[in-house]
Amino acid sequence: MEKIEYNTDTLRIFRYRQKEQHYLHCHQFLELAFVESGNALHEINKRSYILSKNDVVFINEGDFHRYTENRTFTIWNVLIPRWLILREFDRLISIPGIQDLIQPEVRLTKRYTEPVHLPPSLMKSILVKLRKISISLKNSSPASELIAQNTVISIIAEVADHYRKNTHRVLNPALPPLIIRQSIAFLRKADKTPSISELAKSAELSVEHFIRIFKKYTGVPPLKYFLRLRIEKAVEIFSIYPDRTVTEVAGLCGFDSGSYFSEVFKKITGLAPVVFRGGNRQHYVSKTSILL
């Protein structure tokens, strides 16, 4: 089985057959998993769903997930970097139902994690496209990469259209306003605790109103959201580099105090950093929500 990276700056498409239990993990990109054959139990954000042939699941950035109880499970994985989703965001967001499936900038308290079951004809058409562009991407030419990117965006649109026509569920009826999306983008890049008054000023809102609006769309106040982002970065570092010390990771994530970092890390994940680093992560999702 090919190892899935935790971060990627390029579009990646590959097919693999998985027979062993997967480990719990998350990543910093959007992952689409199209089930070609077999079945498995998919654990994602405290919930478990049976995946079977013709299912597709959207795994958003920060979703902790794994596959268990595999039965010769064959899937096509599409790893889509954040920049590609953001580049196409204006086009994608015009598609009804897309907000339930893709949440690239703000993780709302309600999240759609169930698989979308596709008709055999639609899945067959999508798999043909994935096979074709997976081969073309090996050429590494600008033209093949652009064609692959546009094809993947069109596949997302096809799945979203099918989802909209076959469900009455609407989890996120309103897209967070631009001022909130811009604030979140700023928080992602910030290397020190931001000034809420400055964020509110740039949004042309009072501090109280800004915090209220921000919490409405994210479920938490801005500073707690920022803390969560830093801890998610720590989770990613520990997952990729388990040999890093707690003090090193604390510094990399902007914490001046190792003890404070450990306190916040345990509050959010339910595990002390040294325990998490040691690989004891199997109960992480069941102990706490990824949201504060």
Protein backbone atom coordinates (compact mmCIF):
# COMPACT_ATOMS: atom_id res chain seq x y z
CA MET A 1 0.00 0.00 0.00
CA GLU A 2 1.34 3.42 -0.89
CA LYS A 3 1.91 5.65 2.12
CA ILE A 4 -0.33 8.70 2.25
CA GLU A 5 1.52 11.93 2.98
CA TYR A 6 0.19 14.32 5.59
CA ASN A 7 0.69 17.33 3.39
CA THR A 8 0.93 17.80 -0.35
CA ASP A 9 1.44 20.77 -2.64
CA THR A 10 0.51 18.89 -5.79
CA LEU A 11 -2.52 17.02 -7.04
CA ARG A 12 -2.04 13.27 -6.54
CA ILE A 13 -4.18 10.41 -7.83
CA PHE A 14 -3.50 6.74 -7.21
CA ARG A 15 -5.22 3.40 -6.80
CA TYR A 16 -4.43 0.85 -4.13
CA ARG A 17 -5.77 -2.30 -2.57
CA GLN A 18 -5.77 -2.22 1.19
CA LYS A 19 -5.93 -5.36 3.30
CA GLU A 20 -4.54 -4.16 6.61
CA GLN A 21 -6.15 -1.91 9.21
CA HIS A 22 -5.34 1.73 8.67
CA TYR A 23 -3.98 3.99 11.40
CA LEU A 24 -5.81 7.05 12.64
CA HIS A 25 -4.53 10.21 10.96
CA CYS A 26 -5.41 13.55 9.43
CA HIS A 27 -3.83 15.77 6.81
CA GLN A 28 -3.65 19.28 5.42
CA PHE A 29 -5.48 18.70 2.14
CA LEU A 30 -8.81 17.48 0.81
CA GLU A 31 -8.96 13.76 0.15
CA LEU A 32 -11.56 12.03 -2.02
CA ALA A 33 -11.80 8.25 -1.77
CA PHE A 34 -13.73 6.43 -4.51
CA VAL A 35 -14.50 2.79 -3.67
CA GLU A 36 -13.89 0.59 -6.69
CA SER A 37 -14.53 -2.74 -4.95
CA GLY A 38 -14.73 -4.44 -1.57
CA ASN A 39 -15.88 -2.89 1.67
CA ALA A 40 -14.49 -1.51 4.90
CA LEU A 41 -15.50 0.32 8.02
CA HIS A 42 -14.54 3.99 7.84
CA GLU A 43 -14.05 5.77 11.15
CA ILE A 44 -14.13 9.56 10.85
CA ASN A 45 -14.65 12.23 13.51
CA LYS A 46 -16.21 9.94 16.14
CA ARG A 47 -18.49 8.18 13.66
CA SER A 48 -18.20 4.97 11.68
CA TYR A 49 -19.72 4.13 8.30
CA ILE A 50 -19.59 1.06 6.10
CA LEU A 51 -18.01 1.84 2.74
CA SER A 52 -18.80 -0.36 -0.23
CA LYS A 53 -18.53 -0.37 -4.00
CA ASN A 54 -19.61 2.91 -5.69
CA ASP A 55 -19.25 4.99 -2.51
CA VAL A 56 -17.23 8.19 -2.38
CA VAL A 57 -16.22 9.95 0.81
CA PHE A 58 -14.98 13.53 1.21
CA ILE A 59 -12.28 13.76 3.89
CA ASN A 60 -11.70 17.40 4.72
CA GLU A 61 -8.58 18.96 6.14
CA GLY A 62 -8.24 18.05 9.82
CA ASP A 63 -10.67 15.10 9.71
CA PHE A 64 -9.22 12.26 11.79
CA HIS A 65 -10.03 9.00 10.07
CA ARG A 66 -8.98 5.44 9.32
CA TYR A 67 -10.22 2.27 7.62
CA THR A 68 -10.86 -0.91 9.62
CA GLU A 69 -12.37 -4.34 8.99
CA ASN A 70 -11.21 -4.27 5.37
CA ARG A 71 -12.40 -6.88 2.90
CA THR A 72 -9.88 -6.60 0.04
CA PHE A 73 -10.74 -2.94 -0.18
CA THR A 74 -9.77 -1.18 -3.43
CA ILE A 75 -10.07 2.60 -3.69
CA TRP A 76 -8.96 5.48 -5.84
CA ASN A 77 -7.50 8.27 -3.76
CA VAL A 78 -7.49 11.86 -4.96
CA LEU A 79 -5.36 14.19 -2.82
CA ILE A 80 -6.21 17.81 -3.56
CA PRO A 81 -3.96 20.56 -2.15
CA ARG A 82 -5.58 23.46 -0.34
CA TRP A 83 -4.41 26.02 -2.89
CA LEU A 84 -6.31 24.27 -5.70
CA ILE A 85 -9.58 24.28 -3.75
CA LEU A 86 -9.11 27.94 -2.81
CA ARG A 87 -8.30 28.83 -6.41
CA GLU A 88 -11.54 27.24 -7.58
CA PHE A 89 -13.56 28.27 -4.53
CA ASP A 90 -15.75 30.85 -6.27
CA ARG A 91 -16.73 28.37 -8.96
CA LEU A 92 -17.28 25.49 -6.56
CA ILE A 93 -19.35 27.41 -4.05
CA SER A 94 -21.95 28.19 -6.72
CA ILE A 95 -22.84 24.49 -6.89
CA PRO A 96 -25.77 23.63 -4.58
CA GLY A 97 -24.77 21.12 -1.94
CA ILE A 98 -21.03 21.69 -2.24
CA GLN A 99 -20.85 23.36 1.19
CA ASP A 100 -21.88 20.10 2.84
CA LEU A 101 -19.02 18.24 1.18
CA ILE A 102 -16.09 20.67 1.10
CA GLN A 103 -15.07 23.01 3.90
CA PRO A 104 -11.63 24.34 2.97
CA GLU A 105 -11.43 27.43 5.14
CA VAL A 106 -13.71 27.02 8.13
CA ARG A 107 -14.60 23.85 9.97
CA LEU A 108 -18.19 24.28 10.98
CA THR A 109 -19.65 22.51 13.99
CA LYS A 110 -21.87 20.43 11.70
CA ARG A 111 -19.92 18.34 9.25
CA TYR A 112 -21.08 15.90 6.62
CA THR A 113 -18.93 12.77 6.88
CA GLU A 114 -21.21 10.08 5.48
CA PRO A 115 -20.31 8.45 2.16
CA VAL A 116 -22.14 9.52 -0.97
CA HIS A 117 -23.37 6.50 -2.95
CA LEU A 118 -23.06 6.97 -6.70
CA PRO A 119 -24.96 5.15 -9.44
CA PRO A 120 -22.75 2.52 -11.14
CA SER A 121 -22.75 4.45 -14.42
CA LEU A 122 -21.50 7.65 -12.78
CA MET A 123 -18.83 5.84 -10.78
CA LYS A 124 -17.66 4.01 -13.91
CA SER A 125 -17.36 7.30 -15.77
CA ILE A 126 -15.40 8.89 -12.90
CA LEU A 127 -12.99 5.95 -12.57
CA VAL A 128 -12.25 6.11 -16.30
CA LYS A 129 -11.34 9.78 -15.89
CA LEU A 130 -9.19 9.09 -12.83
CA ARG A 131 -7.26 6.34 -14.63
CA LYS A 132 -6.63 8.63 -17.56
CA ILE A 133 -5.39 11.62 -15.60
CA SER A 134 -3.33 9.48 -13.19
CA ILE A 135 -1.34 8.34 -16.22
CA SER A 136 -1.09 11.84 -17.70
CA LEU A 137 0.19 13.27 -14.40
CA LYS A 138 3.26 11.04 -14.69
CA ASN A 139 4.37 13.22 -17.61
CA SER A 140 4.70 16.20 -15.24
CA SER A 141 4.00 18.70 -17.98
CA PRO A 142 2.14 21.99 -17.28
CA ALA A 143 -0.55 20.98 -19.78
CA SER A 144 -1.20 17.56 -18.20
CA GLU A 145 -1.30 19.07 -14.71
CA LEU A 146 -3.81 21.75 -15.76
CA ILE A 147 -6.01 19.18 -17.51
CA ALA A 148 -5.89 16.95 -14.43
CA GLN A 149 -6.79 19.83 -12.11
CA ASN A 150 -9.78 20.84 -14.22
CA THR A 151 -10.92 17.22 -14.51
CA VAL A 152 -10.84 16.75 -10.74
CA ILE A 153 -12.83 19.94 -10.21
CA SER A 154 -15.42 18.70 -12.73
CA ILE A 155 -15.61 15.35 -10.88
CA ILE A 156 -16.29 17.18 -7.62
CA ALA A 157 -19.05 19.10 -9.38
CA GLU A 158 -20.59 15.85 -10.68
CA VAL A 159 -20.61 14.28 -7.23
CA ALA A 160 -22.03 17.42 -5.62
CA ASP A 161 -24.78 17.59 -8.24
CA HIS A 162 -25.73 13.96 -7.59
CA TYR A 163 -25.65 14.59 -3.83
CA ARG A 164 -27.94 17.63 -4.18
CA LYS A 165 -30.46 15.75 -6.28
CA ASN A 166 -30.59 12.76 -3.95
CA THR A 167 -30.65 14.24 -0.45
CA HIS A 168 -32.68 16.81 1.41
CA ARG A 169 -29.92 17.35 3.93
CA VAL A 170 -28.52 20.88 4.04
CA LEU A 171 -26.00 21.23 6.82
CA ASN A 172 -24.44 24.57 5.97
CA PRO A 173 -27.05 26.78 4.33
CA ALA A 174 -24.94 29.92 4.55
CA LEU A 175 -21.32 30.35 3.50
CA PRO A 176 -19.29 32.29 6.05
CA PRO A 177 -19.00 35.88 4.88
CA LEU A 178 -15.82 37.04 3.18
CA ILE A 179 -14.64 38.94 6.27
CA ILE A 180 -14.67 35.73 8.31
CA ARG A 181 -12.91 33.72 5.60
CA GLN A 182 -10.25 36.42 5.35
CA SER A 183 -9.79 36.40 9.13
CA ILE A 184 -9.38 32.64 9.15
CA ALA A 185 -6.83 32.85 6.34
CA PHE A 186 -4.90 35.38 8.44
CA LEU A 187 -5.03 33.13 11.53
CA ARG A 188 -3.63 30.24 9.53
CA LYS A 189 -0.57 32.28 8.59
CA ALA A 190 -0.05 34.02 11.94
CA ASP A 191 3.07 32.98 13.85
CA LYS A 192 2.07 34.75 17.05
CA THR A 193 -1.13 35.42 18.97
CA PRO A 194 -3.13 37.86 16.84
CA SER A 195 -4.74 41.07 17.98
CA ILE A 196 -8.51 40.61 17.99
CA SER A 197 -8.98 44.38 17.87
CA GLU A 198 -6.91 44.52 14.67
CA LEU A 199 -8.89 41.68 13.13
CA ALA A 200 -12.14 43.41 14.04
CA LYS A 201 -10.85 46.70 12.67
CA SER A 202 -9.91 45.15 9.33
CA ALA A 203 -13.41 43.65 9.17
CA GLU A 204 -14.89 47.08 9.99
CA LEU A 205 -16.72 45.64 12.99
CA SER A 206 -16.65 46.26 16.70
CA VAL A 207 -14.70 43.70 18.71
CA GLU A 208 -17.88 42.33 20.28
CA HIS A 209 -19.69 42.03 16.94
CA PHE A 210 -16.66 40.47 15.25
CA ILE A 211 -16.30 37.80 17.96
CA ARG A 212 -20.02 37.06 17.82
CA ILE A 213 -20.01 36.63 14.02
CA PHE A 214 -16.79 34.59 14.08
CA LYS A 215 -18.19 32.24 16.72
CA LYS A 216 -21.45 31.86 14.79
CA TYR A 217 -19.61 30.32 11.83
CA THR A 218 -16.80 28.44 13.56
CA GLY A 219 -18.34 27.51 16.91
CA VAL A 220 -15.47 29.09 18.87
CA PRO A 221 -14.03 32.59 19.50
CA PRO A 222 -11.04 33.69 17.36
CA LEU A 223 -8.31 33.04 19.95
CA LYS A 224 -9.57 29.54 20.67
CA TYR A 225 -9.70 28.88 16.93
CA PHE A 226 -6.09 30.08 16.68
CA LEU A 227 -5.05 27.78 19.54
CA ARG A 228 -6.72 24.86 17.82
CA LEU A 229 -4.83 25.58 14.60
CA ARG A 230 -1.53 25.54 16.47
CA ILE A 231 -2.37 22.24 18.16
CA GLU A 232 -3.41 20.73 14.83
CA LYS A 233 0.00 21.74 13.51
CA ALA A 234 1.58 19.96 16.49
CA VAL A 235 -0.48 16.83 15.77
CA GLU A 236 0.77 16.86 12.19
CA ILE A 237 4.42 17.26 13.29
CA PHE A 238 4.19 14.46 15.86
CA SER A 239 2.54 12.19 13.28
CA ILE A 240 5.31 12.75 10.72
CA TYR A 241 8.27 13.22 13.07
CA PRO A 242 7.61 11.21 16.25
CA ASP A 243 11.24 11.68 17.32
CA ARG A 244 10.79 15.43 17.82
CA THR A 245 10.77 16.44 21.49
CA VAL A 246 7.78 18.13 23.09
CA THR A 247 9.86 21.29 23.61
CA GLU A 248 10.87 21.38 19.93
CA VAL A 249 7.31 20.97 18.70
CA ALA A 250 6.03 23.56 21.18
CA GLY A 251 8.50 26.08 19.76
CA LEU A 252 7.64 25.22 16.17
CA CYS A 253 3.97 25.82 16.94
CA GLY A 254 4.54 29.21 18.56
CA PHE A 255 4.42 28.25 22.24
CA ASP A 256 6.98 29.89 24.52
CA SER A 257 6.20 27.52 27.38
CA GLY A 258 6.41 23.75 27.05
CA SER A 259 4.20 23.24 30.08
CA TYR A 260 1.48 25.52 28.66
CA PHE A 261 1.74 23.73 25.32
CA SER A 262 1.29 20.36 27.06
CA GLU A 263 -1.72 21.69 28.97
CA VAL A 264 -3.44 23.00 25.84
CA PHE A 265 -2.52 19.91 23.80
CA LYS A 266 -4.08 17.58 26.35
CA LYS A 267 -7.17 19.75 26.66
CA ILE A 268 -7.81 19.53 22.92
CA THR A 269 -6.68 15.99 22.12
CA GLY A 270 -7.30 14.23 25.43
CA LEU A 271 -3.70 12.98 25.45
CA ALA A 272 -0.46 14.41 26.80
CA PRO A 273 2.00 15.25 23.99
CA VAL A 274 4.49 12.61 25.09
CA VAL A 275 1.75 9.95 25.00
CA PHE A 276 0.47 11.09 21.62
CA ARG A 277 4.01 11.17 20.24
CA GLY A 278 4.51 7.61 21.41
CA GLY A 279 1.81 6.41 19.04
CA ASN A 280 -1.06 5.94 21.50
CA ARG A 281 -3.54 7.82 19.29
CA GLN A 282 -6.17 5.18 18.65
CA HIS A 283 -8.67 6.73 21.06
CA TYR A 284 -7.96 10.32 20.18
CA VAL A 285 -11.14 11.03 18.25
CA SER A 286 -13.39 9.30 20.78
CA LYS A 287 -12.04 11.38 23.64
CA THR A 288 -12.61 14.84 22.29
CA SER A 289 -13.93 16.84 19.39
CA ILE A 290 -11.48 18.51 17.09
CA LEU A 291 -13.37 21.70 17.92
CA LEU A 292 -12.75 23.38 21.28
